[in-house]
Amino acid sequence: MEVSVIIPTRERIHFLQKCIDCLQLQTKKPEEIVIIIHEDDEETNKFIKNLNTNLFIRYFKTDGGSCKGRNLGIEKSKGDILVFIEDDVILEKTYIEKLNNIFKKEYIDVLAGYTFDIVDLTSPLLIRKGEFDYIKENKENKFFKLIIDEISRTSSDDLLNNNKKLLLYTLSKFLRDFLKIIIIQEGIKKGKILASGYRSQMPDINEFNGLIKVEWVNGGNFAIKKDIILKYKFNENMETLPYVLGEDLELSARIGKEHEIYLSSDLKLLHLRSPLGVKINQRQRFMSMVTNFYRIANLRGNKFAYWWSVIGLTISRIVLLPFSFKTAVSELKGIKDGIVELRNIK
């Protein structure tokens, strides 16, 4: 069973180097790494040509976004199992070895890995206490030492040693999650695709051990049999922005109709969240949210839940008008643009 790792990248050489370094340190090396770069990205092109590594790396150029790039990677890869990651992640050194063992021993078609996201770990409204407890329990492990260092570098709050502040942030997140239940009908079940077209968050890593069934994958941390992904591929019609929004959820909604998806606690990576090479246009982003989650709701949800989420999203932007007028107006215009665009989506 051969493993191919697919990495789309654009103008983030520093992070790509870290990613390749961690792949080189894997206890089991992937049979190949397929890097997809944009045809205008000459710096990355030069970087890859001059790489000094014992890994088998091939790279290809695309004139499109990450969906088109990943689809090119699917077509060009030679492995039986394709692993999709971002260029700004660090994998635990046993990631490929454990992934290979799971696919050998278990009857599994699609496997999601567990993502520790540096933004989630340092943002008051996103922090998950279960992740912090797990990190503290494993603080002597080299991978978790790296996570602790990144948290310390990124945040001024010493949450690993400040239980009062961690509790405050946990309560803030609870309030945010409560609002999400009202706005997008998230509910309490985790790892689900919602009727509104959105998704519920994955279970905390301390809530399960081994494998657990879920309904969606993170596009930057999952593996799938090549013969299956060839039937589906990423939806290139969703590329309305220089970056893509919800493409992994839409793919999951289609795949999940015929194949079970599992989340593994053994496949861990840290997402460093490198800044995007393009400036985010909030009007375009909200238009994309309205249109792309409509596609997902059509696959796995219903119109009532979807339109309830649009109403909730609109109200949430109206509430922000006194605090951030220009941004909120731009986002409201994006919602309107998205609703108008729905007539062109089948």
Protein backbone atom coordinates (compact mmCIF):
# COMPACT_ATOMS: atom_id res chain seq x y z
CA MET A 1 0.00 0.00 0.00
CA GLU A 2 1.63 3.23 -1.17
CA VAL A 3 0.93 6.65 0.32
CA SER A 4 1.01 9.93 -1.61
CA VAL A 5 0.90 13.27 0.25
CA ILE A 6 -0.69 16.15 -1.70
CA ILE A 7 0.24 19.72 -0.73
CA PRO A 8 -1.16 22.78 -2.52
CA THR A 9 0.99 25.85 -1.84
CA ARG A 10 1.42 29.45 -2.89
CA GLU A 11 4.07 31.95 -1.77
CA ARG A 12 4.60 30.47 1.70
CA ILE A 13 8.10 29.03 1.37
CA HIS A 14 9.01 29.37 5.05
CA PHE A 15 6.06 27.26 6.14
CA LEU A 16 6.42 24.80 3.26
CA GLN A 17 10.00 24.15 4.38
CA LYS A 18 8.78 23.31 7.91
CA CYS A 19 6.15 21.00 6.46
CA ILE A 20 8.68 19.14 4.31
CA ASP A 21 11.08 18.91 7.26
CA CYS A 22 8.43 17.18 9.38
CA LEU A 23 7.67 14.75 6.54
CA GLN A 24 11.36 13.94 6.35
CA LEU A 25 11.32 13.05 10.06
CA GLN A 26 8.37 10.65 9.78
CA THR A 27 8.94 7.17 11.22
CA LYS A 28 7.57 5.90 7.91
CA LYS A 29 8.17 8.05 4.85
CA PRO A 30 5.40 8.51 2.29
CA GLU A 31 6.16 6.95 -1.08
CA GLU A 32 5.79 10.34 -2.72
CA ILE A 33 4.94 13.97 -2.06
CA VAL A 34 3.01 15.83 -4.74
CA ILE A 35 3.28 19.61 -4.45
CA ILE A 36 0.92 21.82 -6.44
CA ILE A 37 2.05 25.40 -7.02
CA HIS A 38 0.46 28.30 -8.89
CA GLU A 39 1.97 28.90 -12.31
CA ASP A 40 2.86 32.51 -11.36
CA ASP A 41 4.69 31.50 -8.17
CA GLU A 42 8.30 31.58 -9.37
CA GLU A 43 9.83 31.77 -5.89
CA THR A 44 8.23 28.50 -4.80
CA ASN A 45 9.19 26.96 -8.13
CA LYS A 46 12.86 27.82 -7.52
CA PHE A 47 12.64 26.63 -3.91
CA ILE A 48 11.35 23.18 -4.87
CA LYS A 49 13.93 22.77 -7.63
CA ASN A 50 16.73 23.41 -5.11
CA LEU A 51 15.36 21.22 -2.31
CA ASN A 52 17.91 18.96 -0.64
CA THR A 53 15.89 16.02 0.65
CA ASN A 54 15.74 12.23 0.55
CA LEU A 55 11.98 12.37 -0.04
CA PHE A 56 10.53 11.59 -3.46
CA ILE A 57 8.94 14.88 -4.46
CA ARG A 58 7.14 15.76 -7.67
CA TYR A 59 5.52 19.10 -8.37
CA PHE A 60 3.03 20.44 -10.86
CA LYS A 61 1.70 23.87 -11.77
CA THR A 62 -1.90 25.07 -11.92
CA ASP A 63 -3.62 28.27 -12.99
CA GLY A 64 -6.48 27.77 -10.51
CA GLY A 65 -7.19 27.69 -6.80
CA SER A 66 -6.88 24.93 -4.20
CA CYS A 67 -9.78 22.83 -5.58
CA LYS A 68 -8.27 22.74 -9.04
CA GLY A 69 -4.83 22.19 -7.53
CA ARG A 70 -5.92 19.30 -5.35
CA ASN A 71 -7.74 17.71 -8.29
CA LEU A 72 -4.52 17.95 -10.30
CA GLY A 73 -2.72 16.28 -7.40
CA ILE A 74 -5.29 13.48 -7.38
CA GLU A 75 -4.78 12.84 -11.07
CA LYS A 76 -0.97 12.93 -10.92
CA SER A 77 -0.42 10.96 -7.69
CA LYS A 78 0.61 7.30 -7.82
CA GLY A 79 -0.34 6.12 -4.33
CA ASP A 80 -3.21 3.88 -3.26
CA ILE A 81 -3.89 6.22 -0.30
CA LEU A 82 -3.88 9.99 -0.83
CA VAL A 83 -3.19 12.28 2.13
CA PHE A 84 -4.28 15.91 1.88
CA ILE A 85 -2.51 18.50 4.05
CA GLU A 86 -1.84 22.23 3.93
CA ASP A 87 1.60 23.77 3.44
CA ASP A 88 1.56 25.30 6.95
CA VAL A 89 1.14 22.19 9.10
CA ILE A 90 3.43 20.10 11.28
CA LEU A 91 2.66 16.39 11.49
CA GLU A 92 3.39 14.24 14.53
CA LYS A 93 6.32 12.03 13.52
CA THR A 94 4.20 8.82 13.56
CA TYR A 95 1.43 10.26 11.39
CA ILE A 96 2.18 8.36 8.16
CA GLU A 97 3.07 5.13 9.99
CA LYS A 98 -0.17 5.09 11.97
CA LEU A 99 -2.23 6.08 8.95
CA ASN A 100 -0.73 3.22 6.98
CA ASN A 101 -1.49 0.76 9.79
CA ILE A 102 -5.11 1.89 10.07
CA PHE A 103 -5.80 1.43 6.37
CA LYS A 104 -4.15 -2.01 6.48
CA LYS A 105 -6.05 -3.29 9.52
CA GLU A 106 -9.41 -1.55 9.25
CA TYR A 107 -12.01 -1.54 6.49
CA ILE A 108 -11.91 2.21 6.04
CA ASP A 109 -12.31 4.38 2.95
CA VAL A 110 -12.02 7.91 4.37
CA LEU A 111 -10.00 8.91 7.42
CA ALA A 112 -9.85 12.35 9.05
CA GLY A 113 -6.93 13.34 11.26
CA TYR A 114 -7.15 15.43 14.44
CA THR A 115 -6.12 19.07 13.97
CA PHE A 116 -4.66 21.26 16.69
CA ASP A 117 -5.20 24.75 15.25
CA ILE A 118 -3.03 27.54 16.62
CA VAL A 119 -5.83 30.09 16.05
CA ASP A 120 -8.30 27.96 18.02
CA LEU A 121 -5.72 27.51 20.76
CA THR A 122 -5.11 31.24 21.18
CA SER A 123 -8.53 32.84 20.50
CA PRO A 124 -10.81 33.40 23.53
CA LEU A 125 -14.00 32.48 21.65
CA LEU A 126 -12.54 29.33 20.08
CA ILE A 127 -10.52 27.75 22.89
CA ARG A 128 -11.51 24.19 23.81
CA LYS A 129 -10.67 23.24 27.38
CA GLY A 130 -10.45 19.56 26.46
CA GLU A 131 -7.58 20.28 24.08
CA PHE A 132 -5.70 22.22 26.73
CA ASP A 133 -6.17 19.40 29.26
CA TYR A 134 -4.85 16.91 26.69
CA ILE A 135 -1.85 19.09 25.83
CA LYS A 136 -0.94 19.46 29.51
CA GLU A 137 -1.23 15.71 30.05
CA ASN A 138 1.20 15.09 27.16
CA LYS A 139 3.52 18.07 27.65
CA GLU A 140 6.63 15.87 27.74
CA ASN A 141 5.92 14.59 24.23
CA LYS A 142 8.03 16.42 21.62
CA PHE A 143 5.04 17.16 19.38
CA PHE A 144 3.10 18.74 22.24
CA LYS A 145 6.15 20.68 23.38
CA LEU A 146 6.09 22.23 19.92
CA ILE A 147 2.42 23.13 20.36
CA ILE A 148 3.13 24.69 23.76
CA ASP A 149 5.98 26.74 22.25
CA GLU A 150 3.70 27.97 19.46
CA ILE A 151 0.97 28.93 21.94
CA SER A 152 3.51 30.87 24.01
CA ARG A 153 4.91 32.58 20.91
CA THR A 154 1.49 33.52 19.55
CA SER A 155 -0.43 34.47 22.70
CA SER A 156 0.42 36.65 25.70
CA ASP A 157 -1.99 34.63 27.87
CA ASP A 158 -0.36 31.77 29.75
CA LEU A 159 -3.49 29.64 29.58
CA LEU A 160 -1.66 26.41 30.28
CA ASN A 161 -0.93 27.73 33.77
CA ASN A 162 -3.78 30.17 34.29
CA ASN A 163 -6.86 28.14 35.11
CA LYS A 164 -9.01 31.18 35.96
CA LYS A 165 -8.48 32.81 32.57
CA LEU A 166 -8.94 29.48 30.81
CA LEU A 167 -12.26 29.06 32.61
CA LEU A 168 -13.30 32.59 31.56
CA TYR A 169 -12.47 31.83 27.94
CA THR A 170 -14.30 28.51 28.16
CA LEU A 171 -17.43 30.34 29.36
CA SER A 172 -17.05 32.82 26.48
CA LYS A 173 -16.87 29.94 24.04
CA PHE A 174 -19.94 28.37 25.64
CA LEU A 175 -21.86 31.60 24.94
CA ARG A 176 -20.62 31.63 21.34
CA ASP A 177 -21.64 27.98 20.90
CA PHE A 178 -25.07 28.77 22.33
CA LEU A 179 -25.53 31.51 19.72
CA LYS A 180 -24.43 29.09 17.00
CA ILE A 181 -27.15 26.67 18.13
CA ILE A 182 -29.72 29.41 17.56
CA ILE A 183 -28.27 30.80 14.31
CA ILE A 184 -27.20 27.66 12.43
CA GLN A 185 -28.98 25.00 14.50
CA GLU A 186 -25.70 23.39 15.44
CA GLY A 187 -27.05 21.22 18.23
CA ILE A 188 -24.83 19.29 20.62
CA LYS A 189 -23.77 16.43 18.34
CA LYS A 190 -20.20 16.78 17.12
CA GLY A 191 -18.58 16.04 13.77
CA LYS A 192 -21.88 16.39 11.90
CA ILE A 193 -22.99 18.10 8.69
CA LEU A 194 -25.92 20.27 9.70
CA ALA A 195 -29.23 20.71 7.92
CA SER A 196 -28.32 24.39 7.49
CA GLY A 197 -25.29 23.45 5.38
CA TYR A 198 -22.81 24.28 8.13
CA ARG A 199 -21.04 21.77 10.38
CA SER A 200 -20.66 21.06 14.06
CA GLN A 201 -17.16 21.01 15.52
CA MET A 202 -15.23 17.78 15.87
CA PRO A 203 -15.17 15.98 19.25
CA ASP A 204 -12.38 17.09 21.59
CA ILE A 205 -9.45 14.70 21.48
CA ASN A 206 -9.99 13.72 25.12
CA GLU A 207 -13.56 12.61 24.35
CA PHE A 208 -12.65 9.53 22.28
CA ASN A 209 -9.79 7.14 21.70
CA GLY A 210 -8.91 5.52 18.38
CA LEU A 211 -11.59 5.83 15.72
CA ILE A 212 -14.98 7.51 15.79
CA LYS A 213 -17.55 8.03 13.02
CA VAL A 214 -17.99 11.61 11.80
CA GLU A 215 -19.57 13.22 8.74
CA TRP A 216 -16.96 15.65 7.46
CA VAL A 217 -13.23 16.01 6.88
CA ASN A 218 -10.90 18.97 7.17
CA GLY A 219 -9.46 19.50 3.67
CA GLY A 220 -6.01 19.99 5.18
CA ASN A 221 -5.94 16.83 7.28
CA PHE A 222 -7.48 13.70 5.79
CA ALA A 223 -6.66 10.56 3.82
CA ILE A 224 -8.75 8.63 1.30
CA LYS A 225 -8.40 5.74 -1.09
CA LYS A 226 -7.48 7.04 -4.53
CA ASP A 227 -10.11 5.03 -6.38
CA ILE A 228 -12.79 6.73 -4.26
CA ILE A 229 -11.59 10.34 -4.50
CA LEU A 230 -11.26 9.92 -8.26
CA LYS A 231 -15.05 9.43 -8.40
CA TYR A 232 -15.79 12.63 -6.50
CA LYS A 233 -12.96 15.18 -6.62
CA PHE A 234 -13.21 18.71 -5.25
CA ASN A 235 -15.92 20.98 -6.67
CA GLU A 236 -14.10 23.59 -8.75
CA ASN A 237 -17.35 25.56 -9.19
CA MET A 238 -16.93 26.70 -5.57
CA GLU A 239 -13.79 28.69 -6.38
CA THR A 240 -15.40 32.12 -6.36
CA LEU A 241 -12.52 33.59 -4.34
CA PRO A 242 -8.70 33.47 -4.45
CA TYR A 243 -9.18 31.06 -1.52
CA VAL A 244 -11.98 28.50 -1.18
CA LEU A 245 -14.64 28.31 1.52
CA GLY A 246 -16.41 25.08 2.50
CA GLU A 247 -15.03 22.92 -0.30
CA ASP A 248 -14.06 20.15 2.11
CA LEU A 249 -17.54 20.14 3.65
CA GLU A 250 -19.21 19.94 0.24
CA LEU A 251 -16.90 17.07 -0.72
CA SER A 252 -17.74 15.32 2.56
CA ALA A 253 -21.47 15.72 1.91
CA ARG A 254 -21.14 13.93 -1.43
CA ILE A 255 -18.75 11.22 -0.26
CA GLY A 256 -20.73 10.58 2.93
CA LYS A 257 -23.76 9.40 0.97
CA GLU A 258 -21.93 6.19 0.06
CA HIS A 259 -18.89 5.92 2.35
CA GLU A 260 -18.39 6.15 6.09
CA ILE A 261 -15.93 8.73 7.41
CA TYR A 262 -13.86 8.14 10.54
CA LEU A 263 -11.88 10.51 12.74
CA SER A 264 -8.66 9.17 14.25
CA SER A 265 -7.11 10.39 17.50
CA ASP A 266 -3.79 8.87 16.36
CA LEU A 267 -3.28 11.14 13.35
CA LYS A 268 -2.34 14.50 14.87
CA LEU A 269 -1.08 17.66 13.26
CA LEU A 270 -0.60 21.30 14.20
CA HIS A 271 -2.01 23.91 11.83
CA LEU A 272 0.16 27.01 12.07
CA ARG A 273 -2.23 29.17 9.99
CA SER A 274 0.21 31.07 7.78
CA PRO A 275 -1.22 34.42 6.62
CA LEU A 276 -2.94 34.17 3.26
CA GLY A 277 -1.12 35.59 0.26
CA VAL A 278 -4.28 37.48 -0.69
CA LYS A 279 -6.27 40.08 1.24
CA ILE A 280 -9.64 38.79 2.37
CA ASN A 281 -12.58 40.72 0.92
CA GLN A 282 -15.38 40.38 3.46
CA ARG A 283 -18.11 41.11 0.92
CA GLN A 284 -16.88 38.29 -1.32
CA ARG A 285 -16.39 36.02 1.67
CA PHE A 286 -19.97 36.38 2.89
CA MET A 287 -21.31 35.97 -0.63
CA SER A 288 -19.34 32.74 -0.83
CA MET A 289 -20.73 31.59 2.53
CA VAL A 290 -24.32 32.09 1.35
CA THR A 291 -23.80 30.28 -1.95
CA ASN A 292 -21.50 27.47 -0.86
CA PHE A 293 -23.47 26.46 2.22
CA TYR A 294 -26.57 26.43 0.02
CA ARG A 295 -24.87 23.74 -2.08
CA ILE A 296 -24.16 21.70 1.04
CA ALA A 297 -27.68 22.11 2.45
CA ASN A 298 -29.03 20.85 -0.88
CA LEU A 299 -26.94 17.71 -0.46
CA ARG A 300 -27.46 16.93 3.23
CA GLY A 301 -29.92 19.43 4.69
CA ASN A 302 -33.15 21.29 4.06
CA LYS A 303 -34.28 24.72 2.89
CA PHE A 304 -35.87 25.75 6.18
CA ALA A 305 -32.68 25.20 8.16
CA TYR A 306 -30.61 26.90 5.47
CA TRP A 307 -32.75 30.04 5.32
CA TRP A 308 -32.90 30.16 9.11
CA SER A 309 -29.09 30.28 9.08
CA VAL A 310 -29.10 33.09 6.49
CA ILE A 311 -31.52 35.10 8.67
CA GLY A 312 -29.35 34.43 11.72
CA LEU A 313 -26.20 35.45 9.83
CA THR A 314 -27.91 38.68 8.72
CA ILE A 315 -29.05 39.54 12.25
CA SER A 316 -25.55 38.89 13.61
CA ARG A 317 -24.13 41.44 11.12
CA ILE A 318 -26.84 44.01 11.94
CA VAL A 319 -25.93 43.71 15.63
CA LEU A 320 -22.32 44.57 14.71
CA LEU A 321 -23.25 47.80 12.87
CA PRO A 322 -22.71 50.13 15.89
CA PHE A 323 -19.30 48.58 16.60
CA SER A 324 -17.84 48.04 13.12
CA PHE A 325 -20.08 49.87 10.66
CA LYS A 326 -17.97 49.63 7.50
CA THR A 327 -17.18 45.94 7.89
CA ALA A 328 -20.74 44.99 8.85
CA VAL A 329 -22.17 46.87 5.84
CA SER A 330 -19.72 45.08 3.54
CA GLU A 331 -20.74 41.71 5.00
CA LEU A 332 -24.45 42.52 4.65
CA LYS A 333 -23.87 43.42 1.01
CA GLY A 334 -22.10 40.07 0.60
CA ILE A 335 -25.14 38.25 2.02
CA LYS A 336 -27.38 40.12 -0.45
CA ASP A 337 -25.02 39.28 -3.34
CA GLY A 338 -25.08 35.63 -2.34
CA ILE A 339 -28.88 35.49 -2.25
CA VAL A 340 -29.00 37.02 -5.74
CA GLU A 341 -26.41 34.51 -6.97
CA LEU A 342 -28.48 31.55 -5.74
CA ARG A 343 -30.62 31.71 -8.87
CA ASN A 344 -27.56 30.53 -10.88
CA ILE A 345 -26.91 27.49 -8.67
CA LYS A 346 -28.66 24.30 -9.66
